[in-house]
Amino acid sequence: MLTSTYTLVVLSVEQSRARGEVQALLERWRPGAWWGEPPAMRQYAQACEALRRVLDDCHWRKLDKFVLPALRRCVAVAKADAETDAETDADADADASADALLSELDNLSRRAADARNAAEAAATEGDPGCLAAIERCCQLLLERLEREERELMPLARSKISGETWFAIANQMLAQDAYQNEQRGGAAGPPRAPGGHPGFSARKTISRPPQPERSLPLVN
């Protein structure tokens, strides 16, 4: 119980940080924030770079790397049980709802990726539509973050076992320790026994092979 609580607190802090970054980007570059002359091409490039950094942070969230793959495995096992009549009708309905939610979150990711690509294409032409595409991307990211908090996390708490939460906590601690090493920090959480190095979203480092990943927030 304590392990899952620790993990959920860390994920909540991470979600709040991601939401704040997206909202700050949206407020800075929303089309209505500009009066008079439209931004210059240099400013469009700056906006796209800021969007890239925000998306990179979202891409490497602990939720995407550790929790979603575990939840997808739970849903896959439930589907297999359904095929062998090993679960009740109520469980089958709950698993279908979980599968639908994961698909809807994946769809939000794809739409956000399309909006990002549209923003970058418009930026190269100096097209003011760049800002509208950035706004659309940010709104999609915020919608996904909100649904993760309101729907996905309660689902994860009910579906993922205590043993799996313990494994996720070990992975998260190992990631934090690895990031600390990369930053040159002398102090930090100890490496969890049996854990694997994690990754820093803000550093260009060599990344070892990843475990199973869910569809990232954006591609």
C-alpha atoms as a PDB file:
ATOM      1  CA  MET A   1       0.000   0.000   0.000  1.00  0.00           C
ATOM      2  CA  LEU A   2       2.796   2.419   0.929  1.00  0.00           C
ATOM      3  CA  THR A   3       4.615   1.599  -2.287  1.00  0.00           C
ATOM      4  CA  SER A   4       1.609   2.334  -4.475  1.00  0.00           C
ATOM      5  CA  THR A   5       0.908   5.515  -2.506  1.00  0.00           C
ATOM      6  CA  TYR A   6       4.502   6.718  -2.999  1.00  0.00           C
ATOM      7  CA  THR A   7       4.289   5.940  -6.713  1.00  0.00           C
ATOM      8  CA  LEU A   8       0.980   7.754  -7.140  1.00  0.00           C
ATOM      9  CA  VAL A   9       2.301  10.830  -5.318  1.00  0.00           C
ATOM     10  CA  VAL A  10       5.342  10.968  -7.599  1.00  0.00           C
ATOM     11  CA  LEU A  11       3.117  10.579 -10.653  1.00  0.00           C
ATOM     12  CA  SER A  12       0.803  13.335  -9.410  1.00  0.00           C
ATOM     13  CA  VAL A  13       3.723  15.747  -9.020  1.00  0.00           C
ATOM     14  CA  GLU A  14       4.921  14.828 -12.492  1.00  0.00           C
ATOM     15  CA  GLN A  15       1.452  15.408 -13.953  1.00  0.00           C
ATOM     16  CA  SER A  16       1.186  18.821 -12.294  1.00  0.00           C
ATOM     17  CA  ARG A  17       4.559  19.846 -13.686  1.00  0.00           C
ATOM     18  CA  ALA A  18       3.650  18.681 -17.197  1.00  0.00           C
ATOM     19  CA  ARG A  19       0.315  20.522 -17.070  1.00  0.00           C
ATOM     20  CA  GLY A  20       2.027  23.709 -15.928  1.00  0.00           C
ATOM     21  CA  GLU A  21       4.543  23.545 -18.770  1.00  0.00           C
ATOM     22  CA  VAL A  22       1.830  23.012 -21.386  1.00  0.00           C
ATOM     23  CA  GLN A  23      -0.340  25.813 -20.003  1.00  0.00           C
ATOM     24  CA  ALA A  24       2.627  28.220 -19.913  1.00  0.00           C
ATOM     25  CA  LEU A  25       3.411  27.400 -23.539  1.00  0.00           C
ATOM     26  CA  LEU A  26      -0.229  27.878 -24.517  1.00  0.00           C
ATOM     27  CA  GLU A  27      -0.443  31.275 -22.809  1.00  0.00           C
ATOM     28  CA  ARG A  28       2.826  32.464 -24.352  1.00  0.00           C
ATOM     29  CA  TRP A  29       2.070  31.505 -27.941  1.00  0.00           C
ATOM     30  CA  ARG A  30      -1.725  31.445 -28.307  1.00  0.00           C
ATOM     31  CA  PRO A  31      -2.799  33.501 -31.372  1.00  0.00           C
ATOM     32  CA  GLY A  32      -4.882  35.911 -29.277  1.00  0.00           C
ATOM     33  CA  ALA A  33      -1.792  36.914 -27.268  1.00  0.00           C
ATOM     34  CA  TRP A  34      -0.349  38.772 -30.284  1.00  0.00           C
ATOM     35  CA  TRP A  35      -1.480  42.264 -31.263  1.00  0.00           C
ATOM     36  CA  GLY A  36      -0.461  44.268 -34.307  1.00  0.00           C
ATOM     37  CA  GLU A  37       2.301  42.694 -36.357  1.00  0.00           C
ATOM     38  CA  PRO A  38       2.374  38.874 -36.415  1.00  0.00           C
ATOM     39  CA  PRO A  39       5.482  37.112 -35.097  1.00  0.00           C
ATOM     40  CA  ALA A  40       8.582  36.939 -37.271  1.00  0.00           C
ATOM     41  CA  MET A  41       9.883  33.622 -38.623  1.00  0.00           C
ATOM     42  CA  ARG A  42      12.518  33.610 -35.875  1.00  0.00           C
ATOM     43  CA  GLN A  43       9.745  33.730 -33.290  1.00  0.00           C
ATOM     44  CA  TYR A  44       7.857  30.903 -34.974  1.00  0.00           C
ATOM     45  CA  ALA A  45      11.044  28.842 -34.747  1.00  0.00           C
ATOM     46  CA  GLN A  46      11.324  29.700 -31.042  1.00  0.00           C
ATOM     47  CA  ALA A  47       7.718  28.642 -30.496  1.00  0.00           C
ATOM     48  CA  CYS A  48       8.296  25.289 -32.212  1.00  0.00           C
ATOM     49  CA  GLU A  49      11.446  24.715 -30.170  1.00  0.00           C
ATOM     50  CA  ALA A  50       9.515  25.441 -26.969  1.00  0.00           C
ATOM     51  CA  LEU A  51       6.826  22.983 -28.096  1.00  0.00           C
ATOM     52  CA  ARG A  52       9.490  20.376 -28.826  1.00  0.00           C
ATOM     53  CA  ARG A  53      10.915  20.692 -25.307  1.00  0.00           C
ATOM     54  CA  VAL A  54       7.477  20.345 -23.707  1.00  0.00           C
ATOM     55  CA  LEU A  55       6.659  17.302 -25.816  1.00  0.00           C
ATOM     56  CA  ASP A  56      10.033  15.754 -25.001  1.00  0.00           C
ATOM     57  CA  ASP A  57       9.297  16.106 -21.288  1.00  0.00           C
ATOM     58  CA  CYS A  58       5.846  14.546 -21.780  1.00  0.00           C
ATOM     59  CA  HIS A  59       7.341  11.739 -23.846  1.00  0.00           C
ATOM     60  CA  TRP A  60       9.652  10.630 -21.020  1.00  0.00           C
ATOM     61  CA  ARG A  61       7.156  10.779 -18.182  1.00  0.00           C
ATOM     62  CA  LYS A  62       7.192   7.911 -15.679  1.00  0.00           C
ATOM     63  CA  LEU A  63       3.515   7.340 -16.389  1.00  0.00           C
ATOM     64  CA  ASP A  64       4.264   6.540 -20.030  1.00  0.00           C
ATOM     65  CA  LYS A  65       7.359   4.476 -19.342  1.00  0.00           C
ATOM     66  CA  PHE A  66       6.233   2.359 -16.418  1.00  0.00           C
ATOM     67  CA  VAL A  67       2.524   2.589 -15.572  1.00  0.00           C
ATOM     68  CA  LEU A  68       0.899   2.422 -18.997  1.00  0.00           C
ATOM     69  CA  PRO A  69       2.853  -0.664 -20.132  1.00  0.00           C
ATOM     70  CA  ALA A  70       1.861  -2.438 -16.901  1.00  0.00           C
ATOM     71  CA  LEU A  71      -1.769  -1.466 -17.395  1.00  0.00           C
ATOM     72  CA  ARG A  72      -1.742  -2.627 -21.006  1.00  0.00           C
ATOM     73  CA  ARG A  73      -0.404  -6.000 -19.869  1.00  0.00           C
ATOM     74  CA  CYS A  74      -3.246  -6.257 -17.333  1.00  0.00           C
ATOM     75  CA  VAL A  75      -5.802  -5.541 -20.059  1.00  0.00           C
ATOM     76  CA  ALA A  76      -4.170  -8.075 -22.390  1.00  0.00           C
ATOM     77  CA  VAL A  77      -4.307 -10.767 -19.696  1.00  0.00           C
ATOM     78  CA  ALA A  78      -7.948  -9.928 -19.029  1.00  0.00           C
ATOM     79  CA  LYS A  79      -8.729 -10.297 -22.741  1.00  0.00           C
ATOM     80  CA  ALA A  80      -7.093 -13.714 -22.750  1.00  0.00           C
ATOM     81  CA  ASP A  81      -9.147 -14.722 -19.709  1.00  0.00           C
ATOM     82  CA  ALA A  82     -12.303 -13.537 -21.449  1.00  0.00           C
ATOM     83  CA  GLU A  83     -11.566 -15.796 -24.396  1.00  0.00           C
ATOM     84  CA  THR A  84     -11.398 -18.774 -22.047  1.00  0.00           C
ATOM     85  CA  ASP A  85     -14.505 -17.699 -20.074  1.00  0.00           C
ATOM     86  CA  ALA A  86     -12.337 -17.150 -16.988  1.00  0.00           C
ATOM     87  CA  GLU A  87     -13.914 -13.820 -16.030  1.00  0.00           C
ATOM     88  CA  THR A  88     -17.412 -12.571 -15.231  1.00  0.00           C
ATOM     89  CA  ASP A  89     -19.563 -10.382 -17.466  1.00  0.00           C
ATOM     90  CA  ALA A  90     -18.954  -7.431 -15.139  1.00  0.00           C
ATOM     91  CA  ASP A  91     -15.189  -7.903 -15.411  1.00  0.00           C
ATOM     92  CA  ALA A  92     -15.464  -8.189 -19.175  1.00  0.00           C
ATOM     93  CA  ASP A  93     -17.347  -4.874 -19.353  1.00  0.00           C
ATOM     94  CA  ALA A  94     -14.740  -3.175 -17.160  1.00  0.00           C
ATOM     95  CA  ASP A  95     -11.905  -4.503 -19.306  1.00  0.00           C
ATOM     96  CA  ALA A  96     -13.648  -3.333 -22.478  1.00  0.00           C
ATOM     97  CA  SER A  97     -13.978   0.139 -20.960  1.00  0.00           C
ATOM     98  CA  ALA A  98     -10.291   0.121 -20.021  1.00  0.00           C
ATOM     99  CA  ASP A  99      -9.305  -0.915 -23.542  1.00  0.00           C
ATOM    100  CA  ALA A 100     -11.478   1.844 -25.006  1.00  0.00           C
ATOM    101  CA  LEU A 101      -9.901   4.456 -22.732  1.00  0.00           C
ATOM    102  CA  LEU A 102      -6.385   3.437 -23.750  1.00  0.00           C
ATOM    103  CA  SER A 103      -7.371   3.681 -27.414  1.00  0.00           C
ATOM    104  CA  GLU A 104      -8.855   7.146 -26.891  1.00  0.00           C
ATOM    105  CA  LEU A 105      -5.673   8.342 -25.168  1.00  0.00           C
ATOM    106  CA  ASP A 106      -3.615   6.964 -28.041  1.00  0.00           C
ATOM    107  CA  ASN A 107      -5.832   8.867 -30.460  1.00  0.00           C
ATOM    108  CA  LEU A 108      -5.221  12.104 -28.564  1.00  0.00           C
ATOM    109  CA  SER A 109      -1.492  11.450 -28.911  1.00  0.00           C
ATOM    110  CA  ARG A 110      -1.772  10.981 -32.651  1.00  0.00           C
ATOM    111  CA  ARG A 111      -3.807  14.165 -33.058  1.00  0.00           C
ATOM    112  CA  ALA A 112      -1.292  16.105 -30.978  1.00  0.00           C
ATOM    113  CA  ALA A 113       1.504  14.763 -33.183  1.00  0.00           C
ATOM    114  CA  ASP A 114      -0.384  15.890 -36.290  1.00  0.00           C
ATOM    115  CA  ALA A 115      -0.811  19.370 -34.790  1.00  0.00           C
ATOM    116  CA  ARG A 116       2.896  19.569 -33.972  1.00  0.00           C
ATOM    117  CA  ASN A 117       3.811  18.598 -37.526  1.00  0.00           C
ATOM    118  CA  ALA A 118       1.416  21.239 -38.863  1.00  0.00           C
ATOM    119  CA  ALA A 119       3.009  23.873 -36.602  1.00  0.00           C
ATOM    120  CA  GLU A 120       6.504  23.029 -37.802  1.00  0.00           C
ATOM    121  CA  ALA A 121       5.434  23.076 -41.447  1.00  0.00           C
ATOM    122  CA  ALA A 122       3.745  26.466 -41.021  1.00  0.00           C
ATOM    123  CA  ALA A 123       6.781  27.863 -39.169  1.00  0.00           C
ATOM    124  CA  THR A 124       9.048  27.177 -42.138  1.00  0.00           C
ATOM    125  CA  GLU A 125       6.739  29.325 -44.291  1.00  0.00           C
ATOM    126  CA  GLY A 126       6.275  32.103 -41.748  1.00  0.00           C
ATOM    127  CA  ASP A 127       2.590  31.200 -41.694  1.00  0.00           C
ATOM    128  CA  PRO A 128       0.585  32.560 -38.697  1.00  0.00           C
ATOM    129  CA  GLY A 129      -1.241  29.229 -38.752  1.00  0.00           C
ATOM    130  CA  CYS A 130       1.791  27.974 -36.809  1.00  0.00           C
ATOM    131  CA  LEU A 131       0.396  29.502 -33.621  1.00  0.00           C
ATOM    132  CA  ALA A 132      -3.061  28.034 -34.199  1.00  0.00           C
ATOM    133  CA  ALA A 133      -1.476  24.584 -34.611  1.00  0.00           C
ATOM    134  CA  ILE A 134       0.558  25.037 -31.409  1.00  0.00           C
ATOM    135  CA  GLU A 135      -2.618  26.042 -29.586  1.00  0.00           C
ATOM    136  CA  ARG A 136      -4.406  22.956 -30.916  1.00  0.00           C
ATOM    137  CA  CYS A 137      -1.511  20.715 -29.862  1.00  0.00           C
ATOM    138  CA  CYS A 138      -1.463  22.189 -26.348  1.00  0.00           C
ATOM    139  CA  GLN A 139      -5.221  21.762 -25.975  1.00  0.00           C
ATOM    140  CA  LEU A 140      -4.955  18.109 -26.978  1.00  0.00           C
ATOM    141  CA  LEU A 141      -2.109  17.569 -24.515  1.00  0.00           C
ATOM    142  CA  LEU A 142      -4.120  19.174 -21.724  1.00  0.00           C
ATOM    143  CA  GLU A 143      -7.121  17.013 -22.590  1.00  0.00           C
ATOM    144  CA  ARG A 144      -4.991  13.886 -22.371  1.00  0.00           C
ATOM    145  CA  LEU A 145      -3.409  14.961 -19.076  1.00  0.00           C
ATOM    146  CA  GLU A 146      -6.847  15.679 -17.627  1.00  0.00           C
ATOM    147  CA  ARG A 147      -8.221  12.309 -18.704  1.00  0.00           C
ATOM    148  CA  GLU A 148      -5.156  10.542 -17.340  1.00  0.00           C
ATOM    149  CA  GLU A 149      -5.791  12.075 -13.928  1.00  0.00           C
ATOM    150  CA  ARG A 150      -9.568  11.681 -13.942  1.00  0.00           C
ATOM    151  CA  GLU A 151      -9.918   8.269 -15.606  1.00  0.00           C
ATOM    152  CA  LEU A 152      -6.603   6.513 -16.139  1.00  0.00           C
ATOM    153  CA  MET A 153      -5.100   6.733 -12.647  1.00  0.00           C
ATOM    154  CA  PRO A 154      -8.211   5.351 -10.874  1.00  0.00           C
ATOM    155  CA  LEU A 155      -8.224   2.538 -13.435  1.00  0.00           C
ATOM    156  CA  ALA A 156      -4.533   1.812 -12.811  1.00  0.00           C
ATOM    157  CA  ARG A 157      -5.094   1.694  -9.047  1.00  0.00           C
ATOM    158  CA  SER A 158      -7.837  -0.890  -9.476  1.00  0.00           C
ATOM    159  CA  LYS A 159      -6.166  -3.034 -12.147  1.00  0.00           C
ATOM    160  CA  ILE A 160      -2.466  -3.114 -11.252  1.00  0.00           C
ATOM    161  CA  SER A 161      -1.451  -5.477  -8.469  1.00  0.00           C
ATOM    162  CA  GLY A 162       0.521  -4.486  -5.382  1.00  0.00           C
ATOM    163  CA  GLU A 163       3.475  -6.562  -6.565  1.00  0.00           C
ATOM    164  CA  THR A 164       3.531  -4.677  -9.858  1.00  0.00           C
ATOM    165  CA  TRP A 165       3.307  -1.310  -8.078  1.00  0.00           C
ATOM    166  CA  PHE A 166       6.359  -2.367  -6.070  1.00  0.00           C
ATOM    167  CA  ALA A 167       8.240  -3.162  -9.293  1.00  0.00           C
ATOM    168  CA  ILE A 168       7.189   0.195 -10.784  1.00  0.00           C
ATOM    169  CA  ALA A 169       8.447   2.020  -7.682  1.00  0.00           C
ATOM    170  CA  ASN A 170      11.820   0.266  -8.024  1.00  0.00           C
ATOM    171  CA  GLN A 171      12.042   1.306 -11.668  1.00  0.00           C
ATOM    172  CA  MET A 172      11.204   4.897 -10.796  1.00  0.00           C
ATOM    173  CA  LEU A 173      13.831   5.010  -8.028  1.00  0.00           C
ATOM    174  CA  ALA A 174      16.407   3.538 -10.390  1.00  0.00           C
ATOM    175  CA  GLN A 175      15.559   6.146 -13.002  1.00  0.00           C
ATOM    176  CA  ASP A 176      15.929   8.970 -10.479  1.00  0.00           C
ATOM    177  CA  ALA A 177      19.283   7.611  -9.328  1.00  0.00           C
ATOM    178  CA  TYR A 178      20.512   7.354 -12.914  1.00  0.00           C
ATOM    179  CA  GLN A 179      19.421  10.915 -13.700  1.00  0.00           C
ATOM    180  CA  ASN A 180      21.174  12.094 -10.574  1.00  0.00           C
ATOM    181  CA  GLU A 181      24.390  10.428 -11.727  1.00  0.00           C
ATOM    182  CA  GLN A 182      24.093  12.034 -15.165  1.00  0.00           C
ATOM    183  CA  ARG A 183      23.713  15.463 -13.585  1.00  0.00           C
ATOM    184  CA  GLY A 184      26.788  14.880 -11.461  1.00  0.00           C
ATOM    185  CA  GLY A 185      24.840  14.970  -8.193  1.00  0.00           C
ATOM    186  CA  ALA A 186      26.509  13.387  -5.221  1.00  0.00           C
ATOM    187  CA  ALA A 187      23.267  12.803  -3.352  1.00  0.00           C
ATOM    188  CA  GLY A 188      20.050  11.196  -4.437  1.00  0.00           C
ATOM    189  CA  PRO A 189      17.844   8.160  -3.964  1.00  0.00           C
ATOM    190  CA  PRO A 190      19.763   4.869  -3.904  1.00  0.00           C
ATOM    191  CA  ARG A 191      19.554   2.561  -6.895  1.00  0.00           C
ATOM    192  CA  ALA A 192      16.835   0.019  -6.254  1.00  0.00           C
ATOM    193  CA  PRO A 193      18.001  -3.604  -6.178  1.00  0.00           C
ATOM    194  CA  GLY A 194      17.430  -5.189  -9.546  1.00  0.00           C
ATOM    195  CA  GLY A 195      16.418  -1.859 -11.078  1.00  0.00           C
ATOM    196  CA  HIS A 196      17.522  -0.585 -14.457  1.00  0.00           C
ATOM    197  CA  PRO A 197      18.852   2.833 -15.412  1.00  0.00           C
ATOM    198  CA  GLY A 198      16.257   5.383 -16.434  1.00  0.00           C
ATOM    199  CA  PHE A 199      16.474   8.374 -18.695  1.00  0.00           C
ATOM    200  CA  SER A 200      16.673  12.149 -18.483  1.00  0.00           C
ATOM    201  CA  ALA A 201      14.322  14.148 -20.702  1.00  0.00           C
ATOM    202  CA  ARG A 202      16.579  17.186 -20.687  1.00  0.00           C
ATOM    203  CA  LYS A 203      19.979  15.608 -21.338  1.00  0.00           C
ATOM    204  CA  THR A 204      21.447  14.052 -24.445  1.00  0.00           C
ATOM    205  CA  ILE A 205      22.730  10.767 -23.094  1.00  0.00           C
ATOM    206  CA  SER A 206      23.121   7.230 -24.285  1.00  0.00           C
ATOM    207  CA  ARG A 207      19.901   5.373 -23.580  1.00  0.00           C
ATOM    208  CA  PRO A 208      20.030   1.633 -22.896  1.00  0.00           C
ATOM    209  CA  PRO A 209      17.339  -0.636 -24.381  1.00  0.00           C
ATOM    210  CA  GLN A 210      13.856   0.135 -23.068  1.00  0.00           C
ATOM    211  CA  PRO A 211      11.296  -2.226 -21.615  1.00  0.00           C
ATOM    212  CA  GLU A 212       7.930  -2.445 -23.291  1.00  0.00           C
ATOM    213  CA  ARG A 213       6.571   1.075 -23.887  1.00  0.00           C
ATOM    214  CA  SER A 214       3.088   2.380 -24.344  1.00  0.00           C
ATOM    215  CA  LEU A 215       2.323   4.708 -27.215  1.00  0.00           C
ATOM    216  CA  PRO A 216       4.105   7.947 -26.236  1.00  0.00           C
ATOM    217  CA  LEU A 217       2.161  11.108 -25.643  1.00  0.00           C
ATOM    218  CA  VAL A 218       3.315  12.223 -29.051  1.00  0.00           C
ATOM    219  CA  ASN A 219       5.524  10.603 -31.649  1.00  0.00           C
END
